[in-house]
Amino acid sequence: MFNVKRTFKLEFKRQIRLAIVAAVGFTIAWAWRNAIFNLFQDLTLKLINIHPEHYLTETYTAISITIFGVIFIFFTSKLLQD
């Protein structure tokens, strides 16, 4: 009985730490999301030469972020291979 209580308590603490780290990580990611989106939106608008009010601006920005992200993941995975 004591072992079950101790195991539960340790696992509970581990899960709480994991939840806190995840929450802080998501908060940091959300803060950076706006900065990165605005940067890519400015670059995309300059490259494509459309008005910021254009209805496809966010779509073009999302596509450019995706392309950059895939290239970044590709190069970092090659760089960090065993």
Protein backbone atom coordinates (compact mmCIF):
# COMPACT_ATOMS: atom_id res chain seq x y z
CA MET A 1 0.00 0.00 0.00
CA PHE A 2 2.79 2.42 0.92
CA ASN A 3 4.61 1.65 -2.34
CA VAL A 4 1.48 2.47 -4.38
CA LYS A 5 1.07 5.81 -2.60
CA ARG A 6 4.73 6.67 -3.12
CA THR A 7 4.65 5.64 -6.78
CA PHE A 8 1.50 7.68 -7.34
CA LYS A 9 3.00 10.72 -5.60
CA LEU A 10 6.20 10.54 -7.66
CA GLU A 11 4.31 10.10 -10.91
CA PHE A 12 1.94 12.95 -10.00
CA LYS A 13 4.88 15.30 -9.36
CA ARG A 14 6.49 14.24 -12.64
CA GLN A 15 3.30 14.92 -14.58
CA ILE A 16 2.83 18.33 -12.90
CA ARG A 17 6.41 19.30 -13.85
CA LEU A 18 5.78 18.14 -17.41
CA ALA A 19 2.55 20.15 -17.60
CA ILE A 20 4.26 23.29 -16.31
CA VAL A 21 7.11 22.94 -18.80
CA ALA A 22 4.63 22.38 -21.63
CA ALA A 23 2.57 25.42 -20.61
CA VAL A 24 5.64 27.66 -20.44
CA GLY A 25 6.86 26.29 -23.76
CA PHE A 26 3.54 27.00 -25.46
CA THR A 27 3.52 30.51 -23.97
CA ILE A 28 6.99 31.19 -25.36
CA ALA A 29 5.98 29.77 -28.74
CA TRP A 30 2.89 31.96 -28.83
CA ALA A 31 4.94 35.06 -28.02
CA TRP A 32 7.36 34.30 -30.86
CA ARG A 33 4.54 33.40 -33.25
CA ASN A 34 3.54 37.01 -33.82
CA ALA A 35 7.10 38.20 -34.34
CA ILE A 36 7.91 35.43 -36.81
CA PHE A 37 4.60 35.80 -38.64
CA ASN A 38 5.05 39.55 -39.02
CA LEU A 39 8.61 39.13 -40.27
CA PHE A 40 7.59 36.57 -42.88
CA GLN A 41 4.55 38.61 -43.84
CA ASP A 42 6.72 41.65 -44.55
CA LEU A 43 9.16 39.56 -46.57
CA THR A 44 6.36 37.87 -48.50
CA LEU A 45 4.66 41.16 -49.30
CA LYS A 46 7.93 42.56 -50.63
CA LEU A 47 8.69 39.48 -52.71
CA ILE A 48 5.23 39.10 -54.23
CA ASN A 49 4.50 42.84 -54.32
CA ILE A 50 0.89 42.76 -53.15
CA HIS A 51 -1.00 45.03 -50.77
CA PRO A 52 -1.13 44.02 -47.09
CA GLU A 53 -4.95 44.06 -47.22
CA HIS A 54 -5.04 41.41 -49.95
CA TYR A 55 -7.12 38.40 -48.90
CA LEU A 56 -4.35 35.89 -49.72
CA THR A 57 -1.64 37.62 -47.70
CA GLU A 58 -1.97 35.25 -44.73
CA THR A 59 -2.02 32.22 -47.02
CA TYR A 60 1.16 33.29 -48.80
CA THR A 61 2.79 34.01 -45.45
CA ALA A 62 1.81 30.59 -44.08
CA ILE A 63 3.20 28.92 -47.21
CA SER A 64 6.51 30.77 -46.92
CA ILE A 65 6.81 29.89 -43.21
CA THR A 66 6.08 26.25 -44.03
CA ILE A 67 8.69 26.13 -46.78
CA PHE A 68 11.28 27.75 -44.51
CA GLY A 69 10.37 25.40 -41.66
CA VAL A 70 10.70 22.28 -43.79
CA ILE A 71 14.09 23.42 -45.11
CA PHE A 72 15.21 24.27 -41.56
CA ILE A 73 14.11 20.85 -40.26
CA PHE A 74 15.85 19.12 -43.18
CA PHE A 75 19.18 20.86 -42.61
CA THR A 76 19.13 20.50 -38.83
CA SER A 77 18.26 16.80 -39.07
CA LYS A 78 21.19 16.28 -41.47
CA LEU A 79 23.47 18.33 -39.24
CA LEU A 80 22.49 16.49 -36.05
CA GLN A 81 22.69 12.95 -37.40
CA ASP A 82 24.55 10.36 -35.38
